[in-house]
Amino acid sequence: MPYLDYIAPALLRNAGDMAAAFESAWADHGQDRVGQDIPGLLNTPLGATDLLAGDLMWIAFRATLLSLLFVAVIILLSAAPLLS
């Protein structure tokens, strides 16, 4: 088995994990330090569950997007033996 075929799936999983970890950590840090928008958002018809759902959807979107971009690179490098 070529090394690229061996390591590509692991790098794909790592890309998704790191994207989700970064997005979730930065959202928490950014709300605490930079933006004081949570109290303002809670004074609208939005509830806490709406804000949480929005954050989770954003994290899932970013992780999916970065994983799909990584899949495109894997396909361009012909490191996806199951797809060819």
PDB file of N, CA and C in Angstrom:
ATOM      1  N   MET A   1       0.854  -1.171   0.000  1.00  0.00           N
ATOM      2  CA  MET A   1       0.000   0.000   0.000  1.00  0.00           C
ATOM      3  C   MET A   1       0.901   1.236   0.000  1.00  0.00           C
ATOM      4  N   PRO A   2       0.670   2.162  -0.915  1.00  0.00           N
ATOM      5  CA  PRO A   2       1.464   3.396  -0.921  1.00  0.00           C
ATOM      6  C   PRO A   2       1.202   4.232   0.336  1.00  0.00           C
ATOM      7  N   TYR A   3       2.223   4.953   0.727  1.00  0.00           N
ATOM      8  CA  TYR A   3       2.132   5.737   1.963  1.00  0.00           C
ATOM      9  C   TYR A   3       1.025   6.781   1.877  1.00  0.00           C
ATOM     10  N   LEU A   4       0.876   7.432   0.726  1.00  0.00           N
ATOM     11  CA  LEU A   4      -0.158   8.459   0.577  1.00  0.00           C
ATOM     12  C   LEU A   4      -1.552   7.866   0.748  1.00  0.00           C
ATOM     13  N   ASP A   5      -1.769   6.662   0.225  1.00  0.00           N
ATOM     14  CA  ASP A   5      -3.065   5.992   0.406  1.00  0.00           C
ATOM     15  C   ASP A   5      -3.297   5.610   1.866  1.00  0.00           C
ATOM     16  N   TYR A   6      -2.226   5.372   2.587  1.00  0.00           N
ATOM     17  CA  TYR A   6      -2.319   4.992   3.997  1.00  0.00           C
ATOM     18  C   TYR A   6      -2.602   6.197   4.893  1.00  0.00           C
ATOM     19  N   ILE A   7      -1.946   7.326   4.602  1.00  0.00           N
ATOM     20  CA  ILE A   7      -2.020   8.480   5.503  1.00  0.00           C
ATOM     21  C   ILE A   7      -3.179   9.429   5.158  1.00  0.00           C
ATOM     22  N   ALA A   8      -3.689   9.415   3.939  1.00  0.00           N
ATOM     23  CA  ALA A   8      -4.729  10.364   3.522  1.00  0.00           C
ATOM     24  C   ALA A   8      -6.001  10.275   4.369  1.00  0.00           C
ATOM     25  N   PRO A   9      -6.537   9.083   4.670  1.00  0.00           N
ATOM     26  CA  PRO A   9      -7.746   9.046   5.512  1.00  0.00           C
ATOM     27  C   PRO A   9      -7.520   9.603   6.916  1.00  0.00           C
ATOM     28  N   ALA A  10      -6.338   9.351   7.465  1.00  0.00           N
ATOM     29  CA  ALA A  10      -6.044   9.879   8.794  1.00  0.00           C
ATOM     30  C   ALA A  10      -5.959  11.402   8.763  1.00  0.00           C
ATOM     31  N   LEU A  11      -5.350  11.944   7.726  1.00  0.00           N
ATOM     32  CA  LEU A  11      -5.269  13.401   7.606  1.00  0.00           C
ATOM     33  C   LEU A  11      -6.647  14.019   7.378  1.00  0.00           C
ATOM     34  N   LEU A  12      -7.510  13.320   6.662  1.00  0.00           N
ATOM     35  CA  LEU A  12      -8.876  13.801   6.449  1.00  0.00           C
ATOM     36  C   LEU A  12      -9.628  13.875   7.772  1.00  0.00           C
ATOM     37  N   ARG A  13      -9.536  12.827   8.569  1.00  0.00           N
ATOM     38  CA  ARG A  13     -10.212  12.827   9.864  1.00  0.00           C
ATOM     39  C   ARG A  13      -9.646  13.912  10.768  1.00  0.00           C
ATOM     40  N   ASN A  14      -8.342  14.069  10.745  1.00  0.00           N
ATOM     41  CA  ASN A  14      -7.705  15.085  11.564  1.00  0.00           C
ATOM     42  C   ASN A  14      -8.130  16.487  11.137  1.00  0.00           C
ATOM     43  N   ALA A  15      -8.299  16.717   9.849  1.00  0.00           N
ATOM     44  CA  ALA A  15      -8.723  18.032   9.367  1.00  0.00           C
ATOM     45  C   ALA A  15     -10.113  18.381   9.898  1.00  0.00           C
ATOM     46  N   GLY A  16     -11.030  17.429   9.858  1.00  0.00           N
ATOM     47  CA  GLY A  16     -12.374  17.670  10.385  1.00  0.00           C
ATOM     48  C   GLY A  16     -12.378  17.885  11.888  1.00  0.00           C
ATOM     49  N   ASP A  17     -11.612  17.072  12.596  1.00  0.00           N
ATOM     50  CA  ASP A  17     -11.540  17.210  14.059  1.00  0.00           C
ATOM     51  C   ASP A  17     -10.949  18.557  14.461  1.00  0.00           C
ATOM     52  N   MET A  18      -9.873  18.946  13.803  1.00  0.00           N
ATOM     53  CA  MET A  18      -9.208  20.204  14.156  1.00  0.00           C
ATOM     54  C   MET A  18     -10.084  21.404  13.793  1.00  0.00           C
ATOM     55  N   ALA A  19     -10.805  21.328  12.685  1.00  0.00           N
ATOM     56  CA  ALA A  19     -11.699  22.424  12.308  1.00  0.00           C
ATOM     57  C   ALA A  19     -12.805  22.593  13.345  1.00  0.00           C
ATOM     58  N   ALA A  20     -13.392  21.490  13.774  1.00  0.00           N
ATOM     59  CA  ALA A  20     -14.455  21.564  14.784  1.00  0.00           C
ATOM     60  C   ALA A  20     -13.911  22.049  16.124  1.00  0.00           C
ATOM     61  N   ALA A  21     -12.747  21.568  16.504  1.00  0.00           N
ATOM     62  CA  ALA A  21     -12.154  21.992  17.776  1.00  0.00           C
ATOM     63  C   ALA A  21     -11.818  23.483  17.743  1.00  0.00           C
ATOM     64  N   PHE A  22     -11.247  23.947  16.639  1.00  0.00           N
ATOM     65  CA  PHE A  22     -10.901  25.361  16.534  1.00  0.00           C
ATOM     66  C   PHE A  22     -12.143  26.237  16.570  1.00  0.00           C
ATOM     67  N   GLU A  23     -13.151  25.864  15.791  1.00  0.00           N
ATOM     68  CA  GLU A  23     -14.360  26.683  15.737  1.00  0.00           C
ATOM     69  C   GLU A  23     -15.063  26.732  17.096  1.00  0.00           C
ATOM     70  N   SER A  24     -15.126  25.610  17.782  1.00  0.00           N
ATOM     71  CA  SER A  24     -15.820  25.620  19.070  1.00  0.00           C
ATOM     72  C   SER A  24     -15.011  26.356  20.128  1.00  0.00           C
ATOM     73  N   ALA A  25     -13.706  26.247  20.106  1.00  0.00           N
ATOM     74  CA  ALA A  25     -12.879  26.950  21.093  1.00  0.00           C
ATOM     75  C   ALA A  25     -12.872  28.452  20.817  1.00  0.00           C
ATOM     76  N   TRP A  26     -12.763  28.841  19.550  1.00  0.00           N
ATOM     77  CA  TRP A  26     -12.702  30.261  19.230  1.00  0.00           C
ATOM     78  C   TRP A  26     -14.043  30.939  19.491  1.00  0.00           C
ATOM     79  N   ALA A  27     -15.140  30.264  19.236  1.00  0.00           N
ATOM     80  CA  ALA A  27     -16.453  30.867  19.487  1.00  0.00           C
ATOM     81  C   ALA A  27     -16.610  31.175  20.967  1.00  0.00           C
ATOM     82  N   ASP A  28     -16.200  30.254  21.812  1.00  0.00           N
ATOM     83  CA  ASP A  28     -16.295  30.469  23.253  1.00  0.00           C
ATOM     84  C   ASP A  28     -15.351  31.590  23.686  1.00  0.00           C
ATOM     85  N   HIS A  29     -14.135  31.568  23.208  1.00  0.00           N
ATOM     86  CA  HIS A  29     -13.154  32.590  23.582  1.00  0.00           C
ATOM     87  C   HIS A  29     -13.572  33.962  23.048  1.00  0.00           C
ATOM     88  N   GLY A  30     -14.041  34.000  21.809  1.00  0.00           N
ATOM     89  CA  GLY A  30     -14.432  35.278  21.212  1.00  0.00           C
ATOM     90  C   GLY A  30     -15.603  35.925  21.918  1.00  0.00           C
ATOM     91  N   GLN A  31     -16.552  35.127  22.365  1.00  0.00           N
ATOM     92  CA  GLN A  31     -17.703  35.688  23.064  1.00  0.00           C
ATOM     93  C   GLN A  31     -17.302  36.244  24.417  1.00  0.00           C
ATOM     94  N   ASP A  32     -16.341  35.608  25.070  1.00  0.00           N
ATOM     95  CA  ASP A  32     -15.926  36.064  26.392  1.00  0.00           C
ATOM     96  C   ASP A  32     -15.063  37.307  26.329  1.00  0.00           C
ATOM     97  N   ARG A  33     -14.150  37.363  25.373  1.00  0.00           N
ATOM     98  CA  ARG A  33     -13.140  38.413  25.361  1.00  0.00           C
ATOM     99  C   ARG A  33     -13.488  39.590  24.455  1.00  0.00           C
ATOM    100  N   VAL A  34     -13.889  39.298  23.243  1.00  0.00           N
ATOM    101  CA  VAL A  34     -14.031  40.349  22.237  1.00  0.00           C
ATOM    102  C   VAL A  34     -15.445  40.895  22.186  1.00  0.00           C
ATOM    103  N   GLY A  35     -16.392  40.033  21.865  1.00  0.00           N
ATOM    104  CA  GLY A  35     -17.756  40.488  21.652  1.00  0.00           C
ATOM    105  C   GLY A  35     -18.620  40.319  22.879  1.00  0.00           C
ATOM    106  N   GLN A  36     -19.322  41.339  23.200  1.00  0.00           N
ATOM    107  CA  GLN A  36     -20.285  41.256  24.291  1.00  0.00           C
ATOM    108  C   GLN A  36     -21.689  41.204  23.697  1.00  0.00           C
ATOM    109  N   ASP A  37     -21.839  40.403  22.652  1.00  0.00           N
ATOM    110  CA  ASP A  37     -23.103  40.380  21.927  1.00  0.00           C
ATOM    111  C   ASP A  37     -24.116  39.384  22.486  1.00  0.00           C
ATOM    112  N   ILE A  38     -23.717  38.487  23.360  1.00  0.00           N
ATOM    113  CA  ILE A  38     -24.663  37.514  23.914  1.00  0.00           C
ATOM    114  C   ILE A  38     -25.783  38.210  24.689  1.00  0.00           C
ATOM    115  N   PRO A  39     -25.480  39.148  25.593  1.00  0.00           N
ATOM    116  CA  PRO A  39     -26.595  39.823  26.279  1.00  0.00           C
ATOM    117  C   PRO A  39     -27.506  40.575  25.303  1.00  0.00           C
ATOM    118  N   GLY A  40     -26.926  41.166  24.285  1.00  0.00           N
ATOM    119  CA  GLY A  40     -27.739  41.855  23.287  1.00  0.00           C
ATOM    120  C   GLY A  40     -28.621  40.904  22.503  1.00  0.00           C
ATOM    121  N   LEU A  41     -28.071  39.752  22.144  1.00  0.00           N
ATOM    122  CA  LEU A  41     -28.860  38.772  21.402  1.00  0.00           C
ATOM    123  C   LEU A  41     -29.975  38.172  22.258  1.00  0.00           C
ATOM    124  N   LEU A  42     -29.716  38.040  23.541  1.00  0.00           N
ATOM    125  CA  LEU A  42     -30.743  37.483  24.419  1.00  0.00           C
ATOM    126  C   LEU A  42     -31.867  38.478  24.701  1.00  0.00           C
ATOM    127  N   ASN A  43     -31.680  39.753  24.366  1.00  0.00           N
ATOM    128  CA  ASN A  43     -32.752  40.737  24.496  1.00  0.00           C
ATOM    129  C   ASN A  43     -33.646  40.770  23.269  1.00  0.00           C
ATOM    130  N   THR A  44     -33.421  39.882  22.323  1.00  0.00           N
ATOM    131  CA  THR A  44     -34.264  39.733  21.144  1.00  0.00           C
ATOM    132  C   THR A  44     -35.159  38.511  21.357  1.00  0.00           C
ATOM    133  N   PRO A  45     -36.014  38.187  20.395  1.00  0.00           N
ATOM    134  CA  PRO A  45     -36.840  36.981  20.553  1.00  0.00           C
ATOM    135  C   PRO A  45     -36.045  35.672  20.555  1.00  0.00           C
ATOM    136  N   LEU A  46     -34.744  35.721  20.287  1.00  0.00           N
ATOM    137  CA  LEU A  46     -33.931  34.505  20.329  1.00  0.00           C
ATOM    138  C   LEU A  46     -33.756  34.032  21.760  1.00  0.00           C
ATOM    139  N   GLY A  47     -33.705  32.748  21.926  1.00  0.00           N
ATOM    140  CA  GLY A  47     -33.455  32.174  23.245  1.00  0.00           C
ATOM    141  C   GLY A  47     -32.060  31.572  23.304  1.00  0.00           C
ATOM    142  N   ALA A  48     -31.697  31.076  24.452  1.00  0.00           N
ATOM    143  CA  ALA A  48     -30.375  30.476  24.628  1.00  0.00           C
ATOM    144  C   ALA A  48     -30.207  29.233  23.750  1.00  0.00           C
ATOM    145  N   THR A  49     -31.280  28.454  23.597  1.00  0.00           N
ATOM    146  CA  THR A  49     -31.183  27.265  22.751  1.00  0.00           C
ATOM    147  C   THR A  49     -30.995  27.642  21.288  1.00  0.00           C
ATOM    148  N   ASP A  50     -31.587  28.773  20.858  1.00  0.00           N
ATOM    149  CA  ASP A  50     -31.383  29.242  19.487  1.00  0.00           C
ATOM    150  C   ASP A  50     -29.921  29.616  19.252  1.00  0.00           C
ATOM    151  N   LEU A  51     -29.323  30.291  20.215  1.00  0.00           N
ATOM    152  CA  LEU A  51     -27.920  30.678  20.082  1.00  0.00           C
ATOM    153  C   LEU A  51     -27.018  29.445  20.075  1.00  0.00           C
ATOM    154  N   LEU A  52     -27.311  28.487  20.933  1.00  0.00           N
ATOM    155  CA  LEU A  52     -26.526  27.262  20.970  1.00  0.00           C
ATOM    156  C   LEU A  52     -26.674  26.485  19.665  1.00  0.00           C
ATOM    157  N   ALA A  53     -27.893  26.384  19.163  1.00  0.00           N
ATOM    158  CA  ALA A  53     -28.126  25.671  17.906  1.00  0.00           C
ATOM    159  C   ALA A  53     -27.394  26.362  16.760  1.00  0.00           C
ATOM    160  N   GLY A  54     -27.403  27.681  16.736  1.00  0.00           N
ATOM    161  CA  GLY A  54     -26.679  28.417  15.702  1.00  0.00           C
ATOM    162  C   GLY A  54     -25.183  28.178  15.769  1.00  0.00           C
ATOM    163  N   ASP A  55     -24.623  28.194  16.967  1.00  0.00           N
ATOM    164  CA  ASP A  55     -23.196  27.919  17.120  1.00  0.00           C
ATOM    165  C   ASP A  55     -22.858  26.497  16.674  1.00  0.00           C
ATOM    166  N   LEU A  56     -23.680  25.536  17.053  1.00  0.00           N
ATOM    167  CA  LEU A  56     -23.416  24.145  16.672  1.00  0.00           C
ATOM    168  C   LEU A  56     -23.560  23.940  15.165  1.00  0.00           C
ATOM    169  N   MET A  57     -24.536  24.614  14.549  1.00  0.00           N
ATOM    170  CA  MET A  57     -24.673  24.505  13.098  1.00  0.00           C
ATOM    171  C   MET A  57     -23.480  25.126  12.385  1.00  0.00           C
ATOM    172  N   TRP A  58     -22.963  26.252  12.899  1.00  0.00           N
ATOM    173  CA  TRP A  58     -21.794  26.880  12.300  1.00  0.00           C
ATOM    174  C   TRP A  58     -20.568  25.966  12.420  1.00  0.00           C
ATOM    175  N   ILE A  59     -20.388  25.349  13.579  1.00  0.00           N
ATOM    176  CA  ILE A  59     -19.261  24.441  13.776  1.00  0.00           C
ATOM    177  C   ILE A  59     -19.367  23.264  12.813  1.00  0.00           C
ATOM    178  N   ALA A  60     -20.551  22.687  12.686  1.00  0.00           N
ATOM    179  CA  ALA A  60     -20.747  21.553  11.777  1.00  0.00           C
ATOM    180  C   ALA A  60     -20.532  21.969  10.327  1.00  0.00           C
ATOM    181  N   PHE A  61     -20.995  23.156   9.957  1.00  0.00           N
ATOM    182  CA  PHE A  61     -20.812  23.645   8.590  1.00  0.00           C
ATOM    183  C   PHE A  61     -19.335  23.820   8.262  1.00  0.00           C
ATOM    184  N   ARG A  62     -18.589  24.465   9.162  1.00  0.00           N
ATOM    185  CA  ARG A  62     -17.166  24.704   8.914  1.00  0.00           C
ATOM    186  C   ARG A  62     -16.382  23.391   8.860  1.00  0.00           C
ATOM    187  N   ALA A  63     -16.672  22.469   9.752  1.00  0.00           N
ATOM    188  CA  ALA A  63     -15.964  21.187   9.739  1.00  0.00           C
ATOM    189  C   ALA A  63     -16.274  20.416   8.456  1.00  0.00           C
ATOM    190  N   THR A  64     -17.524  20.449   8.024  1.00  0.00           N
ATOM    191  CA  THR A  64     -17.907  19.770   6.786  1.00  0.00           C
ATOM    192  C   THR A  64     -17.246  20.421   5.585  1.00  0.00           C
ATOM    193  N   LEU A  65     -17.258  21.747   5.538  1.00  0.00           N
ATOM    194  CA  LEU A  65     -16.651  22.457   4.417  1.00  0.00           C
ATOM    195  C   LEU A  65     -15.157  22.170   4.318  1.00  0.00           C
ATOM    196  N   LEU A  66     -14.454  22.245   5.422  1.00  0.00           N
ATOM    197  CA  LEU A  66     -13.020  21.985   5.384  1.00  0.00           C
ATOM    198  C   LEU A  66     -12.721  20.525   5.072  1.00  0.00           C
ATOM    199  N   SER A  67     -13.564  19.615   5.531  1.00  0.00           N
ATOM    200  CA  SER A  67     -13.371  18.207   5.190  1.00  0.00           C
ATOM    201  C   SER A  67     -13.607  17.962   3.701  1.00  0.00           C
ATOM    202  N   LEU A  68     -14.616  18.610   3.132  1.00  0.00           N
ATOM    203  CA  LEU A  68     -14.862  18.457   1.695  1.00  0.00           C
ATOM    204  C   LEU A  68     -13.725  19.034   0.863  1.00  0.00           C
ATOM    205  N   LEU A  69     -13.162  20.143   1.307  1.00  0.00           N
ATOM    206  CA  LEU A  69     -12.002  20.691   0.604  1.00  0.00           C
ATOM    207  C   LEU A  69     -10.820  19.727   0.685  1.00  0.00           C
ATOM    208  N   PHE A  70     -10.652  19.096   1.824  1.00  0.00           N
ATOM    209  CA  PHE A  70      -9.581  18.120   1.977  1.00  0.00           C
ATOM    210  C   PHE A  70      -9.830  16.903   1.092  1.00  0.00           C
ATOM    211  N   VAL A  71     -11.087  16.483   0.973  1.00  0.00           N
ATOM    212  CA  VAL A  71     -11.421  15.374   0.078  1.00  0.00           C
ATOM    213  C   VAL A  71     -11.076  15.744  -1.360  1.00  0.00           C
ATOM    214  N   ALA A  72     -11.333  16.990  -1.748  1.00  0.00           N
ATOM    215  CA  ALA A  72     -10.983  17.436  -3.101  1.00  0.00           C
ATOM    216  C   ALA A  72      -9.478  17.337  -3.334  1.00  0.00           C
ATOM    217  N   VAL A  73      -8.694  17.708  -2.357  1.00  0.00           N
ATOM    218  CA  VAL A  73      -7.237  17.598  -2.492  1.00  0.00           C
ATOM    219  C   VAL A  73      -6.820  16.129  -2.581  1.00  0.00           C
ATOM    220  N   ILE A  74      -7.437  15.283  -1.783  1.00  0.00           N
ATOM    221  CA  ILE A  74      -7.126  13.853  -1.835  1.00  0.00           C
ATOM    222  C   ILE A  74      -7.447  13.289  -3.213  1.00  0.00           C
ATOM    223  N   ILE A  75      -8.561  13.692  -3.770  1.00  0.00           N
ATOM    224  CA  ILE A  75      -8.934  13.212  -5.112  1.00  0.00           C
ATOM    225  C   ILE A  75      -7.969  13.746  -6.150  1.00  0.00           C
ATOM    226  N   LEU A  76      -7.566  15.012  -6.040  1.00  0.00           N
ATOM    227  CA  LEU A  76      -6.607  15.579  -6.990  1.00  0.00           C
ATOM    228  C   LEU A  76      -5.257  14.872  -6.928  1.00  0.00           C
ATOM    229  N   LEU A  77      -4.871  14.410  -5.755  1.00  0.00           N
ATOM    230  CA  LEU A  77      -3.602  13.697  -5.603  1.00  0.00           C
ATOM    231  C   LEU A  77      -3.747  12.200  -5.890  1.00  0.00           C
ATOM    232  N   SER A  78      -4.927  11.788  -6.264  1.00  0.00           N
ATOM    233  CA  SER A  78      -5.219  10.366  -6.544  1.00  0.00           C
ATOM    234  C   SER A  78      -4.894   9.477  -5.353  1.00  0.00           C
ATOM    235  N   ALA A  79      -5.207   9.968  -4.176  1.00  0.00           N
ATOM    236  CA  ALA A  79      -4.942   9.198  -2.957  1.00  0.00           C
ATOM    237  C   ALA A  79      -6.215   8.577  -2.414  1.00  0.00           C
ATOM    238  N   ALA A  80      -7.221   8.458  -3.231  1.00  0.00           N
ATOM    239  CA  ALA A  80      -8.485   7.864  -2.809  1.00  0.00           C
ATOM    240  C   ALA A  80      -8.743   6.618  -3.631  1.00  0.00           C
ATOM    241  N   PRO A  81      -8.141   5.481  -3.254  1.00  0.00           N
ATOM    242  CA  PRO A  81      -8.292   4.279  -4.071  1.00  0.00           C
ATOM    243  C   PRO A  81      -9.732   3.773  -4.151  1.00  0.00           C
ATOM    244  N   LEU A  82     -10.550   4.084  -3.145  1.00  0.00           N
ATOM    245  CA  LEU A  82     -11.943   3.630  -3.171  1.00  0.00           C
ATOM    246  C   LEU A  82     -12.785   4.449  -4.140  1.00  0.00           C
ATOM    247  N   LEU A  83     -12.365   5.682  -4.423  1.00  0.00           N
ATOM    248  CA  LEU A  83     -13.135   6.536  -5.318  1.00  0.00           C
ATOM    249  C   LEU A  83     -12.711   6.403  -6.770  1.00  0.00           C
ATOM    250  N   SER A  84     -11.602   5.771  -7.021  1.00  0.00           N
ATOM    251  CA  SER A  84     -11.130   5.685  -8.404  1.00  0.00           C
ATOM    252  C   SER A  84     -11.482   4.365  -9.058  1.00  0.00           C
TER     253      SER A  84
END
